[in-house]
N, C-alpha and C. Protein backbone atom coordinates (compact mmCIF):
# COMPACT_ATOMS: atom_id res chain seq x y z
N GLN A 1 -57.51 18.43 -31.77
CA GLN A 1 -57.56 17.26 -32.68
C GLN A 1 -58.58 17.35 -32.94
N VAL A 2 -59.15 16.49 -34.24
CA VAL A 2 -59.80 16.51 -35.02
C VAL A 2 -60.93 14.90 -34.06
N GLN A 3 -62.17 14.88 -33.83
CA GLN A 3 -62.78 13.71 -33.15
C GLN A 3 -63.94 13.17 -34.26
N LEU A 4 -64.09 12.02 -34.52
CA LEU A 4 -64.97 11.47 -35.36
C LEU A 4 -65.85 10.75 -34.51
N VAL A 5 -66.64 10.81 -34.58
CA VAL A 5 -67.72 9.40 -33.82
C VAL A 5 -68.85 9.07 -34.65
N GLU A 6 -68.18 7.51 -35.00
CA GLU A 6 -69.89 6.84 -35.25
C GLU A 6 -70.77 6.12 -34.55
N SER A 7 -71.86 6.06 -35.29
CA SER A 7 -72.94 5.42 -34.76
C SER A 7 -74.04 4.39 -35.48
N GLY A 8 -74.57 3.71 -34.92
CA GLY A 8 -75.72 3.46 -35.85
C GLY A 8 -75.35 1.72 -36.13
N GLY A 9 -74.55 1.22 -36.15
CA GLY A 9 -73.99 -0.34 -36.45
C GLY A 9 -74.99 -1.01 -35.84
N GLY A 10 -74.94 -2.15 -35.63
CA GLY A 10 -75.58 -3.20 -35.09
C GLY A 10 -75.58 -4.59 -35.55
N LEU A 11 -76.58 -5.18 -35.36
CA LEU A 11 -77.17 -6.91 -35.87
C LEU A 11 -77.85 -6.80 -36.44
N VAL A 12 -78.19 -7.15 -38.11
CA VAL A 12 -79.20 -7.22 -38.56
C VAL A 12 -79.40 -8.21 -40.06
N GLN A 13 -80.66 -8.72 -39.83
CA GLN A 13 -80.08 -10.08 -40.61
C GLN A 13 -80.20 -9.40 -41.84
N ALA A 14 -79.60 -10.55 -43.07
CA ALA A 14 -79.84 -10.33 -44.32
C ALA A 14 -81.32 -9.34 -44.90
N GLY A 15 -81.00 -9.03 -45.91
CA GLY A 15 -81.95 -8.11 -46.52
C GLY A 15 -82.33 -6.72 -45.43
N GLY A 16 -81.88 -6.31 -44.34
CA GLY A 16 -81.83 -5.17 -43.60
C GLY A 16 -81.68 -4.01 -43.84
N SER A 17 -81.78 -3.08 -43.31
CA SER A 17 -80.95 -2.05 -43.46
C SER A 17 -80.36 -1.15 -42.11
N LEU A 18 -79.08 -0.41 -42.32
CA LEU A 18 -78.87 0.05 -41.34
C LEU A 18 -78.44 1.74 -41.28
N ARG A 19 -78.35 2.65 -40.86
CA ARG A 19 -78.22 3.68 -41.25
C ARG A 19 -76.97 4.39 -40.31
N LEU A 20 -76.06 4.45 -40.72
CA LEU A 20 -74.32 5.06 -39.90
C LEU A 20 -74.23 6.44 -40.24
N SER A 21 -74.40 6.88 -38.87
CA SER A 21 -74.06 8.57 -38.56
C SER A 21 -72.50 8.45 -38.29
N CYS A 22 -71.85 9.68 -38.55
CA CYS A 22 -70.55 9.93 -38.16
C CYS A 22 -70.11 11.69 -37.93
N VAL A 23 -70.48 12.01 -36.81
CA VAL A 23 -70.27 13.02 -36.18
C VAL A 23 -68.88 13.79 -35.84
N ALA A 24 -68.63 14.95 -36.96
CA ALA A 24 -67.15 15.47 -36.37
C ALA A 24 -66.80 16.82 -35.57
N SER A 25 -66.23 16.97 -34.75
CA SER A 25 -65.94 17.99 -33.50
C SER A 25 -65.52 19.27 -34.50
N GLU A 26 -65.88 19.38 -35.97
CA GLU A 26 -65.35 20.51 -36.50
C GLU A 26 -66.49 20.25 -37.66
N SER A 27 -66.21 21.47 -38.59
CA SER A 27 -67.40 21.44 -39.89
C SER A 27 -66.83 20.62 -40.48
N ILE A 28 -67.56 20.11 -41.17
CA ILE A 28 -67.01 18.63 -42.28
C ILE A 28 -66.77 19.32 -43.39
N LEU A 29 -67.00 20.91 -43.86
CA LEU A 29 -66.58 21.36 -44.97
C LEU A 29 -65.14 21.54 -44.51
N ASN A 30 -64.42 21.28 -43.37
CA ASN A 30 -63.05 21.35 -43.36
C ASN A 30 -61.78 20.48 -44.34
N PHE A 31 -62.62 19.34 -44.49
CA PHE A 31 -62.39 17.79 -44.98
C PHE A 31 -63.09 17.51 -46.17
N ASN A 32 -62.20 17.17 -46.93
CA ASN A 32 -62.90 16.92 -48.84
C ASN A 32 -61.79 15.76 -49.58
N PRO A 33 -62.68 14.45 -49.56
CA PRO A 33 -64.21 14.25 -49.13
C PRO A 33 -63.92 13.47 -48.05
N MET A 34 -65.31 13.33 -47.43
CA MET A 34 -65.45 12.57 -46.57
C MET A 34 -65.92 11.59 -47.17
N GLY A 35 -65.83 10.14 -46.19
CA GLY A 35 -65.73 8.94 -46.46
C GLY A 35 -65.86 7.68 -45.43
N TRP A 36 -66.85 6.55 -45.82
CA TRP A 36 -67.00 5.78 -44.99
C TRP A 36 -65.86 4.36 -45.87
N TYR A 37 -65.70 3.90 -45.07
CA TYR A 37 -64.72 2.59 -44.90
C TYR A 37 -64.92 1.06 -44.45
N ARG A 38 -64.35 0.35 -44.75
CA ARG A 38 -64.63 -0.81 -43.70
C ARG A 38 -63.50 -1.88 -43.78
N GLN A 39 -63.78 -2.54 -42.70
CA GLN A 39 -62.85 -4.19 -42.68
C GLN A 39 -63.28 -5.03 -41.58
N ALA A 40 -63.42 -5.66 -42.98
CA ALA A 40 -63.82 -7.53 -42.12
C ALA A 40 -62.56 -7.95 -41.62
N PRO A 41 -62.98 -9.06 -40.58
CA PRO A 41 -61.89 -9.59 -39.59
C PRO A 41 -60.84 -10.36 -41.69
N GLY A 42 -59.39 -10.43 -41.31
CA GLY A 42 -58.73 -10.73 -41.81
C GLY A 42 -58.47 -10.17 -43.16
N LYS A 43 -58.91 -8.90 -43.56
CA LYS A 43 -59.06 -8.20 -44.92
C LYS A 43 -58.51 -7.07 -44.47
N GLN A 44 -58.25 -5.84 -45.78
CA GLN A 44 -57.72 -4.87 -45.68
C GLN A 44 -58.74 -3.97 -45.56
N ARG A 45 -58.64 -2.84 -45.16
CA ARG A 45 -59.64 -1.85 -45.26
C ARG A 45 -59.59 -1.40 -46.39
N GLU A 46 -60.98 -1.33 -47.09
CA GLU A 46 -61.93 -1.03 -48.24
C GLU A 46 -62.56 0.37 -48.10
N LEU A 47 -62.76 0.74 -49.08
CA LEU A 47 -62.82 1.90 -49.56
C LEU A 47 -64.85 1.77 -49.60
N VAL A 48 -65.71 2.37 -48.73
CA VAL A 48 -67.04 2.25 -49.38
C VAL A 48 -67.91 3.46 -50.39
N ALA A 49 -67.87 4.37 -49.65
CA ALA A 49 -67.81 5.13 -50.36
C ALA A 49 -67.72 6.68 -49.99
N THR A 50 -67.40 7.13 -50.52
CA THR A 50 -66.94 9.11 -50.59
C THR A 50 -67.96 10.38 -50.80
N ILE A 51 -67.97 11.17 -50.28
CA ILE A 51 -68.89 12.41 -50.54
C ILE A 51 -68.12 13.93 -50.36
N THR A 52 -68.00 14.13 -51.42
CA THR A 52 -67.14 15.19 -51.66
C THR A 52 -67.89 16.81 -51.15
N SER A 53 -67.74 18.05 -50.69
CA SER A 53 -67.84 19.22 -50.29
C SER A 53 -69.29 19.50 -50.73
N GLY A 54 -69.22 19.28 -52.62
CA GLY A 54 -69.73 19.77 -53.28
C GLY A 54 -70.84 18.89 -53.67
N GLY A 55 -70.76 17.56 -52.92
CA GLY A 55 -72.35 16.55 -53.06
C GLY A 55 -72.14 15.30 -54.17
N ARG A 56 -70.83 15.31 -54.42
CA ARG A 56 -70.38 14.36 -55.26
C ARG A 56 -70.25 13.09 -54.80
N THR A 57 -70.83 12.41 -55.07
CA THR A 57 -70.58 10.86 -54.60
C THR A 57 -69.56 9.59 -55.40
N ASN A 58 -68.91 8.60 -54.19
CA ASN A 58 -68.48 7.81 -55.10
C ASN A 58 -68.65 6.25 -54.35
N TYR A 59 -68.75 5.28 -54.91
CA TYR A 59 -68.83 4.18 -54.33
C TYR A 59 -68.17 2.95 -54.75
N ALA A 60 -68.33 1.92 -53.95
CA ALA A 60 -67.61 0.93 -54.53
C ALA A 60 -68.50 -0.13 -54.95
N ASP A 61 -67.99 -0.62 -55.87
CA ASP A 61 -68.92 -1.38 -57.02
C ASP A 61 -70.17 -2.12 -55.92
N SER A 62 -69.32 -3.14 -55.51
CA SER A 62 -69.84 -4.11 -54.38
C SER A 62 -71.00 -3.47 -53.65
N VAL A 63 -71.17 -1.88 -53.67
CA VAL A 63 -72.26 -1.24 -52.72
C VAL A 63 -73.34 -0.59 -53.40
N LYS A 64 -72.66 -0.12 -54.86
CA LYS A 64 -73.86 0.50 -56.01
C LYS A 64 -74.97 0.23 -55.77
N GLY A 65 -75.91 1.06 -55.79
CA GLY A 65 -77.59 0.64 -55.59
C GLY A 65 -77.59 0.34 -54.06
N ARG A 66 -77.04 -0.09 -53.46
CA ARG A 66 -77.68 -0.17 -52.30
C ARG A 66 -77.29 0.85 -50.70
N PHE A 67 -76.56 1.11 -51.25
CA PHE A 67 -75.61 2.04 -49.99
C PHE A 67 -76.01 3.68 -50.55
N THR A 68 -76.70 4.37 -49.61
CA THR A 68 -76.08 5.89 -50.29
C THR A 68 -75.52 6.29 -49.16
N ILE A 69 -74.36 7.70 -49.54
CA ILE A 69 -73.68 8.24 -48.34
C ILE A 69 -74.26 9.79 -48.64
N SER A 70 -74.17 10.35 -47.54
CA SER A 70 -74.96 12.22 -47.10
C SER A 70 -74.65 12.67 -46.82
N ARG A 71 -75.04 13.80 -46.69
CA ARG A 71 -74.00 15.00 -45.82
C ARG A 71 -74.92 15.87 -44.89
N ASP A 72 -74.56 16.13 -43.73
CA ASP A 72 -75.69 17.24 -43.10
C ASP A 72 -74.50 18.77 -42.70
N ASN A 73 -73.84 19.52 -43.45
CA ASN A 73 -73.46 20.02 -43.55
C ASN A 73 -73.69 20.72 -41.59
N ALA A 74 -74.82 21.51 -41.39
CA ALA A 74 -74.76 22.04 -40.50
C ALA A 74 -74.95 21.04 -38.85
N LYS A 75 -74.53 19.93 -39.67
CA LYS A 75 -74.86 19.13 -38.17
C LYS A 75 -73.36 18.39 -38.17
N ASN A 76 -72.93 19.03 -38.82
CA ASN A 76 -71.06 17.92 -39.08
C ASN A 76 -71.21 16.41 -39.07
N THR A 77 -72.31 15.94 -39.81
CA THR A 77 -72.46 14.67 -39.86
C THR A 77 -72.46 14.27 -41.00
N VAL A 78 -72.02 12.82 -41.12
CA VAL A 78 -72.23 12.26 -42.86
C VAL A 78 -72.51 10.99 -42.27
N TYR A 79 -73.38 10.37 -43.29
CA TYR A 79 -74.41 9.48 -43.12
C TYR A 79 -73.92 8.16 -44.09
N LEU A 80 -74.54 6.87 -43.72
CA LEU A 80 -74.72 6.02 -44.35
C LEU A 80 -75.61 5.27 -44.49
N GLN A 81 -76.49 5.56 -45.27
CA GLN A 81 -77.85 4.75 -45.62
C GLN A 81 -77.91 3.41 -46.23
N MET A 82 -77.78 2.34 -45.20
CA MET A 82 -77.15 0.74 -46.00
C MET A 82 -78.70 -0.25 -45.81
N ASN A 83 -79.37 -0.50 -47.15
CA ASN A 83 -79.92 -1.25 -47.50
C ASN A 83 -79.85 -2.83 -48.17
N SER A 84 -80.88 -3.66 -48.46
CA SER A 84 -80.18 -4.82 -48.85
C SER A 84 -79.28 -5.54 -48.41
N LEU A 85 -79.00 -5.61 -47.16
CA LEU A 85 -77.64 -5.53 -46.49
C LEU A 85 -76.82 -7.39 -46.85
N LYS A 86 -76.28 -7.87 -46.95
CA LYS A 86 -75.80 -9.04 -47.19
C LYS A 86 -74.82 -9.48 -45.75
N PRO A 87 -74.96 -10.69 -45.98
CA PRO A 87 -73.46 -11.29 -45.16
C PRO A 87 -71.91 -10.56 -45.25
N GLU A 88 -72.45 -10.17 -46.42
CA GLU A 88 -70.76 -10.13 -46.96
C GLU A 88 -70.64 -8.68 -46.88
N ASP A 89 -71.32 -8.00 -45.76
CA ASP A 89 -71.16 -6.70 -45.33
C ASP A 89 -71.16 -6.48 -44.30
N THR A 90 -70.80 -7.69 -43.43
CA THR A 90 -70.53 -7.41 -42.38
C THR A 90 -68.69 -6.84 -42.14
N ALA A 91 -68.77 -6.08 -41.24
CA ALA A 91 -67.35 -5.51 -40.51
C ALA A 91 -67.15 -4.40 -40.04
N VAL A 92 -66.07 -4.08 -39.42
CA VAL A 92 -66.03 -2.67 -38.94
C VAL A 92 -66.32 -1.84 -39.64
N TYR A 93 -67.19 -0.33 -39.65
CA TYR A 93 -66.90 0.31 -40.66
C TYR A 93 -66.50 1.66 -40.16
N TYR A 94 -65.65 2.37 -40.64
CA TYR A 94 -64.87 3.88 -40.39
C TYR A 94 -65.01 5.23 -40.91
N CYS A 95 -65.23 5.75 -40.09
CA CYS A 95 -65.61 7.21 -40.92
C CYS A 95 -64.16 7.98 -41.27
N ASN A 96 -64.26 8.56 -42.31
CA ASN A 96 -62.80 8.81 -42.88
C ASN A 96 -62.65 10.19 -43.05
N ALA A 97 -61.60 11.80 -42.42
CA ALA A 97 -61.84 12.86 -43.02
C ALA A 97 -60.51 13.17 -43.35
N PRO A 98 -59.96 13.32 -44.72
CA PRO A 98 -59.03 14.01 -45.07
C PRO A 98 -58.86 15.36 -45.22
N ARG A 99 -58.10 16.07 -44.70
CA ARG A 99 -57.30 17.49 -45.37
C ARG A 99 -56.12 17.82 -45.39
N TYR A 100 -55.55 18.76 -45.92
CA TYR A 100 -54.25 19.15 -45.93
C TYR A 100 -54.03 19.86 -44.93
N GLU A 101 -52.92 20.01 -43.78
CA GLU A 101 -52.57 20.13 -42.63
C GLU A 101 -50.85 20.49 -43.07
N THR A 102 -50.35 21.50 -43.67
CA THR A 102 -48.52 21.45 -44.08
C THR A 102 -48.22 19.83 -44.77
N ARG A 103 -49.07 19.18 -44.49
CA ARG A 103 -49.05 18.01 -45.23
C ARG A 103 -50.30 17.08 -45.25
N PRO A 104 -50.66 15.78 -46.34
CA PRO A 104 -52.03 15.69 -46.28
C PRO A 104 -52.03 14.34 -44.87
N VAL A 105 -53.11 14.61 -43.96
CA VAL A 105 -53.85 13.86 -42.65
C VAL A 105 -54.92 13.40 -43.20
N ALA A 106 -55.03 12.61 -42.47
CA ALA A 106 -56.57 11.47 -42.64
C ALA A 106 -57.08 11.41 -41.47
N TYR A 107 -58.08 11.87 -41.09
CA TYR A 107 -58.43 11.56 -39.37
C TYR A 107 -59.95 10.04 -39.64
N TRP A 108 -59.82 9.27 -38.44
CA TRP A 108 -60.52 8.01 -38.76
C TRP A 108 -61.14 8.43 -37.11
N GLY A 109 -62.25 7.50 -37.21
CA GLY A 109 -63.13 7.52 -36.30
C GLY A 109 -63.00 6.12 -35.48
N GLN A 110 -63.47 5.73 -34.06
CA GLN A 110 -63.14 4.58 -33.60
C GLN A 110 -63.68 3.33 -34.18
N GLY A 111 -64.50 3.70 -35.12
CA GLY A 111 -65.45 2.60 -36.36
C GLY A 111 -66.97 2.19 -35.39
N THR A 112 -67.41 1.46 -36.03
CA THR A 112 -68.69 0.74 -35.24
C THR A 112 -69.16 -0.57 -36.21
N GLN A 113 -69.26 -1.64 -35.28
CA GLN A 113 -69.80 -3.04 -35.89
C GLN A 113 -71.03 -2.93 -36.41
N VAL A 114 -70.87 -3.61 -38.14
CA VAL A 114 -71.96 -4.30 -38.44
C VAL A 114 -72.19 -5.71 -39.16
N THR A 115 -73.02 -6.16 -38.09
CA THR A 115 -73.54 -7.61 -38.55
C THR A 115 -74.14 -8.21 -39.16
N VAL A 116 -74.26 -9.03 -40.09
CA VAL A 116 -75.22 -9.27 -41.56
C VAL A 116 -75.45 -10.60 -41.19
N SER A 117 -76.11 -11.20 -40.40
CA SER A 117 -76.98 -12.58 -40.41
C SER A 117 -77.31 -12.83 -41.87
N SER A 118 -77.12 -14.42 -42.08
CA SER A 118 -78.23 -14.84 -43.44
C SER A 118 -79.14 -15.95 -42.55
């Protein structure tokens, strides 16, 4: 069973920064793309950013220019650097790792809470 462990969340003031980490129990090259999603109270889970095994990135419009996704294959880790945080970024952030195993499968971490105060 694949395990994804997120860390790095917390409480930060608006304009501040946080870096989230997602450590996988196996090589992240086995998944493509790796991604971060978030879910705010009362809202659906939404895509934040993804990164392919080749390093191509994709961002939600709401975070472009503020968030940066990156990966360290040697450490089986994906990062999300979040700058210029806004109160509307408050959510639980989840790491996502999809792959095909006789059928499409998506693994999720337990989530890490990010709270941005105004």
